PDB file of N, CA and C in Angstrom:
ATOM      1  N   UNK A   1      44.764  36.012  54.668  1.00  0.00           N
ATOM      2  CA  UNK A   1      45.208  35.919  53.298  1.00  0.00           C
ATOM      3  C   UNK A   1      44.016  35.511  52.434  1.00  0.00           C
ATOM      4  N   UNK A   2      43.924  36.116  51.275  1.00  0.00           N
ATOM      5  CA  UNK A   2      42.786  35.888  50.403  1.00  0.00           C
ATOM      6  C   UNK A   2      43.240  35.231  49.092  1.00  0.00           C
ATOM      7  N   UNK A   3      44.028  34.140  49.188  1.00  0.00           N
ATOM      8  CA  UNK A   3      44.519  33.465  47.984  1.00  0.00           C
ATOM      9  C   UNK A   3      43.526  32.437  47.495  1.00  0.00           C
ATOM     10  N   UNK A   4      43.473  32.328  46.181  1.00  0.00           N
ATOM     11  CA  UNK A   4      42.588  31.358  45.534  1.00  0.00           C
ATOM     12  C   UNK A   4      43.367  30.664  44.434  1.00  0.00           C
ATOM     13  N   UNK A   5      42.803  29.600  43.872  1.00  0.00           N
ATOM     14  CA  UNK A   5      43.453  28.904  42.758  1.00  0.00           C
ATOM     15  C   UNK A   5      42.430  28.665  41.657  1.00  0.00           C
ATOM     16  N   UNK A   6      42.882  28.778  40.426  1.00  0.00           N
ATOM     17  CA  UNK A   6      42.067  28.470  39.252  1.00  0.00           C
ATOM     18  C   UNK A   6      42.802  27.362  38.507  1.00  0.00           C
ATOM     19  N   UNK A   7      42.083  26.285  38.163  1.00  0.00           N
ATOM     20  CA  UNK A   7      42.684  25.128  37.515  1.00  0.00           C
ATOM     21  C   UNK A   7      42.146  25.009  36.093  1.00  0.00           C
ATOM     22  N   UNK A   8      43.056  24.887  35.140  1.00  0.00           N
ATOM     23  CA  UNK A   8      42.706  24.665  33.744  1.00  0.00           C
ATOM     24  C   UNK A   8      43.259  23.307  33.350  1.00  0.00           C
ATOM     25  N   UNK A   9      42.443  22.477  32.700  1.00  0.00           N
ATOM     26  CA  UNK A   9      42.885  21.156  32.266  1.00  0.00           C
ATOM     27  C   UNK A   9      42.580  20.985  30.782  1.00  0.00           C
ATOM     28  N   UNK A  10      43.527  20.400  30.077  1.00  0.00           N
ATOM     29  CA  UNK A  10      43.363  20.144  28.650  1.00  0.00           C
ATOM     30  C   UNK A  10      43.715  18.692  28.375  1.00  0.00           C
ATOM     31  N   UNK A  11      42.887  18.009  27.620  1.00  0.00           N
ATOM     32  CA  UNK A  11      43.149  16.632  27.205  1.00  0.00           C
ATOM     33  C   UNK A  11      43.323  16.601  25.694  1.00  0.00           C
ATOM     34  N   UNK A  12      44.331  15.883  25.243  1.00  0.00           N
ATOM     35  CA  UNK A  12      44.568  15.781  23.803  1.00  0.00           C
ATOM     36  C   UNK A  12      45.061  14.391  23.471  1.00  0.00           C
ATOM     37  N   UNK A  13      45.165  14.113  22.215  1.00  0.00           N
ATOM     38  CA  UNK A  13      45.769  12.864  21.787  1.00  0.00           C
ATOM     39  C   UNK A  13      47.262  12.927  22.007  1.00  0.00           C
ATOM     40  N   UNK A  14      47.904  11.815  22.163  1.00  0.00           N
ATOM     41  CA  UNK A  14      49.343  11.776  22.358  1.00  0.00           C
ATOM     42  C   UNK A  14      50.034  12.439  21.179  1.00  0.00           C
ATOM     43  N   UNK A  15      50.993  13.293  21.480  1.00  0.00           N
ATOM     44  CA  UNK A  15      51.751  13.965  20.438  1.00  0.00           C
ATOM     45  C   UNK A  15      51.224  15.339  20.087  1.00  0.00           C
ATOM     46  N   UNK A  16      50.047  15.734  20.593  1.00  0.00           N
ATOM     47  CA  UNK A  16      49.531  17.078  20.337  1.00  0.00           C
ATOM     48  C   UNK A  16      50.325  18.080  21.169  1.00  0.00           C
ATOM     49  N   UNK A  17      50.331  19.317  20.726  1.00  0.00           N
ATOM     50  CA  UNK A  17      51.027  20.347  21.486  1.00  0.00           C
ATOM     51  C   UNK A  17      50.021  21.347  22.027  1.00  0.00           C
ATOM     52  N   UNK A  18      50.412  22.047  23.080  1.00  0.00           N
ATOM     53  CA  UNK A  18      49.532  23.042  23.669  1.00  0.00           C
ATOM     54  C   UNK A  18      49.304  24.188  22.690  1.00  0.00           C
ATOM     55  N   UNK A  19      50.280  24.461  21.851  1.00  0.00           N
ATOM     56  CA  UNK A  19      50.157  25.548  20.878  1.00  0.00           C
ATOM     57  C   UNK A  19      48.966  25.315  19.953  1.00  0.00           C
ATOM     58  N   UNK A  20      48.622  24.070  19.700  1.00  0.00           N
ATOM     59  CA  UNK A  20      47.516  23.738  18.806  1.00  0.00           C
ATOM     60  C   UNK A  20      46.153  23.820  19.496  1.00  0.00           C
ATOM     61  N   UNK A  21      46.116  24.219  20.745  1.00  0.00           N
ATOM     62  CA  UNK A  21      44.858  24.226  21.503  1.00  0.00           C
ATOM     63  C   UNK A  21      44.366  25.651  21.737  1.00  0.00           C
ATOM     64  N   UNK A  22      43.211  25.740  22.312  1.00  0.00           N
ATOM     65  CA  UNK A  22      42.675  27.039  22.714  1.00  0.00           C
ATOM     66  C   UNK A  22      42.912  27.282  24.212  1.00  0.00           C
ATOM     67  N   UNK A  23      43.712  26.442  24.862  1.00  0.00           N
ATOM     68  CA  UNK A  23      43.966  26.584  26.297  1.00  0.00           C
ATOM     69  C   UNK A  23      44.557  27.957  26.622  1.00  0.00           C
ATOM     70  N   UNK A  24      45.510  28.409  25.827  1.00  0.00           N
ATOM     71  CA  UNK A  24      46.118  29.717  26.071  1.00  0.00           C
ATOM     72  C   UNK A  24      45.066  30.817  25.989  1.00  0.00           C
ATOM     73  N   UNK A  25      44.167  30.735  25.021  1.00  0.00           N
ATOM     74  CA  UNK A  25      43.092  31.721  24.899  1.00  0.00           C
ATOM     75  C   UNK A  25      42.187  31.715  26.121  1.00  0.00           C
ATOM     76  N   UNK A  26      41.852  30.523  26.631  1.00  0.00           N
ATOM     77  CA  UNK A  26      40.993  30.419  27.819  1.00  0.00           C
ATOM     78  C   UNK A  26      41.668  31.055  29.032  1.00  0.00           C
ATOM     79  N   UNK A  27      42.966  30.792  29.203  1.00  0.00           N
ATOM     80  CA  UNK A  27      43.684  31.358  30.345  1.00  0.00           C
ATOM     81  C   UNK A  27      43.766  32.870  30.218  1.00  0.00           C
ATOM     82  N   UNK A  28      44.108  33.365  29.025  1.00  0.00           N
ATOM     83  CA  UNK A  28      44.208  34.823  28.841  1.00  0.00           C
ATOM     84  C   UNK A  28      42.864  35.516  29.054  1.00  0.00           C
ATOM     85  N   UNK A  29      41.793  34.890  28.593  1.00  0.00           N
ATOM     86  CA  UNK A  29      40.460  35.469  28.789  1.00  0.00           C
ATOM     87  C   UNK A  29      40.114  35.531  30.270  1.00  0.00           C
ATOM     88  N   UNK A  30      40.399  34.450  30.988  1.00  0.00           N
ATOM     89  CA  UNK A  30      40.129  34.435  32.420  1.00  0.00           C
ATOM     90  C   UNK A  30      40.941  35.514  33.133  1.00  0.00           C
ATOM     91  N   UNK A  31      42.250  35.633  32.804  1.00  0.00           N
ATOM     92  CA  UNK A  31      43.097  36.643  33.432  1.00  0.00           C
ATOM     93  C   UNK A  31      42.596  38.055  33.159  1.00  0.00           C
ATOM     94  N   UNK A  32      42.105  38.272  31.952  1.00  0.00           N
ATOM     95  CA  UNK A  32      41.612  39.592  31.571  1.00  0.00           C
ATOM     96  C   UNK A  32      40.431  40.035  32.430  1.00  0.00           C
ATOM     97  N   UNK A  33      39.622  39.071  32.876  1.00  0.00           N
ATOM     98  CA  UNK A  33      38.402  39.386  33.615  1.00  0.00           C
ATOM     99  C   UNK A  33      38.500  39.095  35.111  1.00  0.00           C
ATOM    100  N   UNK A  34      39.713  38.867  35.605  1.00  0.00           N
ATOM    101  CA  UNK A  34      39.904  38.540  37.016  1.00  0.00           C
ATOM    102  C   UNK A  34      40.703  39.634  37.702  1.00  0.00           C
ATOM    103  N   UNK A  35      40.134  40.195  38.754  1.00  0.00           N
ATOM    104  CA  UNK A  35      40.866  41.190  39.543  1.00  0.00           C
ATOM    105  C   UNK A  35      41.780  40.460  40.508  1.00  0.00           C
ATOM    106  N   UNK A  36      42.936  41.000  40.723  1.00  0.00           N
ATOM    107  CA  UNK A  36      43.845  40.419  41.696  1.00  0.00           C
ATOM    108  C   UNK A  36      45.245  40.321  41.151  1.00  0.00           C
ATOM    109  N   UNK A  37      46.108  39.673  41.922  1.00  0.00           N
ATOM    110  CA  UNK A  37      47.521  39.547  41.600  1.00  0.00           C
ATOM    111  C   UNK A  37      47.893  38.073  41.502  1.00  0.00           C
ATOM    112  N   UNK A  38      48.535  37.685  40.404  1.00  0.00           N
ATOM    113  CA  UNK A  38      48.990  36.307  40.247  1.00  0.00           C
ATOM    114  C   UNK A  38      50.156  36.083  41.200  1.00  0.00           C
ATOM    115  N   UNK A  39      50.070  34.999  41.978  1.00  0.00           N
ATOM    116  CA  UNK A  39      51.082  34.682  42.977  1.00  0.00           C
ATOM    117  C   UNK A  39      52.013  33.590  42.484  1.00  0.00           C
ATOM    118  N   UNK A  40      51.449  32.562  41.825  1.00  0.00           N
ATOM    119  CA  UNK A  40      52.240  31.415  41.393  1.00  0.00           C
ATOM    120  C   UNK A  40      51.507  30.695  40.286  1.00  0.00           C
ATOM    121  N   UNK A  41      52.269  30.081  39.373  1.00  0.00           N
ATOM    122  CA  UNK A  41      51.694  29.284  38.291  1.00  0.00           C
ATOM    123  C   UNK A  41      52.442  27.958  38.246  1.00  0.00           C
ATOM    124  N   UNK A  42      51.686  26.853  38.179  1.00  0.00           N
ATOM    125  CA  UNK A  42      52.302  25.532  38.036  1.00  0.00           C
ATOM    126  C   UNK A  42      51.675  24.804  36.852  1.00  0.00           C
ATOM    127  N   UNK A  43      52.399  23.844  36.343  1.00  0.00           N
ATOM    128  CA  UNK A  43      51.922  23.044  35.210  1.00  0.00           C
ATOM    129  C   UNK A  43      52.322  21.596  35.448  1.00  0.00           C
ATOM    130  N   UNK A  44      51.440  20.675  35.094  1.00  0.00           N
ATOM    131  CA  UNK A  44      51.790  19.259  35.154  1.00  0.00           C
ATOM    132  C   UNK A  44      51.261  18.567  33.901  1.00  0.00           C
ATOM    133  N   UNK A  45      51.948  17.528  33.511  1.00  0.00           N
ATOM    134  CA  UNK A  45      51.557  16.762  32.332  1.00  0.00           C
ATOM    135  C   UNK A  45      51.515  15.289  32.699  1.00  0.00           C
ATOM    136  N   UNK A  46      50.589  14.565  32.089  1.00  0.00           N
ATOM    137  CA  UNK A  46      50.510  13.124  32.312  1.00  0.00           C
ATOM    138  C   UNK A  46      49.878  12.464  31.095  1.00  0.00           C
ATOM    139  N   UNK A  47      50.022  11.165  31.042  1.00  0.00           N
ATOM    140  CA  UNK A  47      49.403  10.402  29.962  1.00  0.00           C
ATOM    141  C   UNK A  47      48.563   9.300  30.586  1.00  0.00           C
ATOM    142  N   UNK A  48      47.309   9.201  30.139  1.00  0.00           N
ATOM    143  CA  UNK A  48      46.399   8.164  30.625  1.00  0.00           C
ATOM    144  C   UNK A  48      45.685   7.547  29.440  1.00  0.00           C
ATOM    145  N   UNK A  49      45.801   6.255  29.321  1.00  0.00           N
ATOM    146  CA  UNK A  49      45.106   5.522  28.258  1.00  0.00           C
ATOM    147  C   UNK A  49      45.345   6.140  26.876  1.00  0.00           C
ATOM    148  N   UNK A  50      46.599   6.517  26.594  1.00  0.00           N
ATOM    149  CA  UNK A  50      46.935   7.042  25.284  1.00  0.00           C
ATOM    150  C   UNK A  50      46.505   8.473  25.041  1.00  0.00           C
ATOM    151  N   UNK A  51      46.043   9.168  26.084  1.00  0.00           N
ATOM    152  CA  UNK A  51      45.626  10.560  25.953  1.00  0.00           C
ATOM    153  C   UNK A  51      46.499  11.420  26.858  1.00  0.00           C
ATOM    154  N   UNK A  52      47.008  12.514  26.313  1.00  0.00           N
ATOM    155  CA  UNK A  52      47.841  13.426  27.090  1.00  0.00           C
ATOM    156  C   UNK A  52      46.945  14.402  27.862  1.00  0.00           C
ATOM    157  N   UNK A  53      47.330  14.699  29.089  1.00  0.00           N
ATOM    158  CA  UNK A  53      46.596  15.636  29.939  1.00  0.00           C
ATOM    159  C   UNK A  53      47.559  16.709  30.423  1.00  0.00           C
ATOM    160  N   UNK A  54      47.145  17.950  30.319  1.00  0.00           N
ATOM    161  CA  UNK A  54      47.923  19.089  30.791  1.00  0.00           C
ATOM    162  C   UNK A  54      47.068  19.851  31.789  1.00  0.00           C
ATOM    163  N   UNK A  55      47.632  20.144  32.948  1.00  0.00           N
ATOM    164  CA  UNK A  55      46.928  20.914  33.964  1.00  0.00           C
ATOM    165  C   UNK A  55      47.753  22.132  34.318  1.00  0.00           C
ATOM    166  N   UNK A  56      47.129  23.301  34.282  1.00  0.00           N
ATOM    167  CA  UNK A  56      47.766  24.562  34.666  1.00  0.00           C
ATOM    168  C   UNK A  56      46.995  25.105  35.862  1.00  0.00           C
ATOM    169  N   UNK A  57      47.707  25.398  36.948  1.00  0.00           N
ATOM    170  CA  UNK A  57      47.093  25.986  38.139  1.00  0.00           C
ATOM    171  C   UNK A  57      47.644  27.394  38.312  1.00  0.00           C
ATOM    172  N   UNK A  58      46.749  28.349  38.509  1.00  0.00           N
ATOM    173  CA  UNK A  58      47.138  29.739  38.724  1.00  0.00           C
ATOM    174  C   UNK A  58      46.649  30.148  40.106  1.00  0.00           C
ATOM    175  N   UNK A  59      47.591  30.387  41.017  1.00  0.00           N
ATOM    176  CA  UNK A  59      47.267  30.890  42.343  1.00  0.00           C
ATOM    177  C   UNK A  59      47.276  32.399  42.256  1.00  0.00           C
ATOM    178  N   UNK A  60      46.254  33.024  42.831  1.00  0.00           N
ATOM    179  CA  UNK A  60      46.184  34.485  42.790  1.00  0.00           C
ATOM    180  C   UNK A  60      45.624  35.021  44.089  1.00  0.00           C
ATOM    181  N   UNK A  61      45.977  36.245  44.377  1.00  0.00           N
ATOM    182  CA  UNK A  61      45.482  36.940  45.555  1.00  0.00           C
ATOM    183  C   UNK A  61      44.351  37.835  45.087  1.00  0.00           C
ATOM    184  N   UNK A  62      43.142  37.559  45.543  1.00  0.00           N
ATOM    185  CA  UNK A  62      41.971  38.295  45.110  1.00  0.00           C
ATOM    186  C   UNK A  62      42.051  39.753  45.556  1.00  0.00           C
ATOM    187  N   UNK A  63      41.590  40.641  44.683  1.00  0.00           N
ATOM    188  CA  UNK A  63      41.582  42.069  45.016  1.00  0.00           C
ATOM    189  C   UNK A  63      40.519  42.350  46.076  1.00  0.00           C
ATOM    190  N   UNK A  64      40.799  43.320  46.893  1.00  0.00           N
ATOM    191  CA  UNK A  64      39.806  43.742  47.882  1.00  0.00           C
ATOM    192  C   UNK A  64      40.002  43.089  49.148  1.00  0.00           C
TER     193      UNK A  64
END
């Protein structure tokens, strides 16, 4: 099996939304330039020292 994972992390102030970030643009750009098939996507959120953290993991099966 040729599965890999790509991790994207975003830190913001408490109360910010993902819509206000460029995280979606970064993920879409990466997907556009990556060969393979997306297998699974997960997301987690946490707060540390008054800062919100969002992590998106994309598991994919590499082409070839």
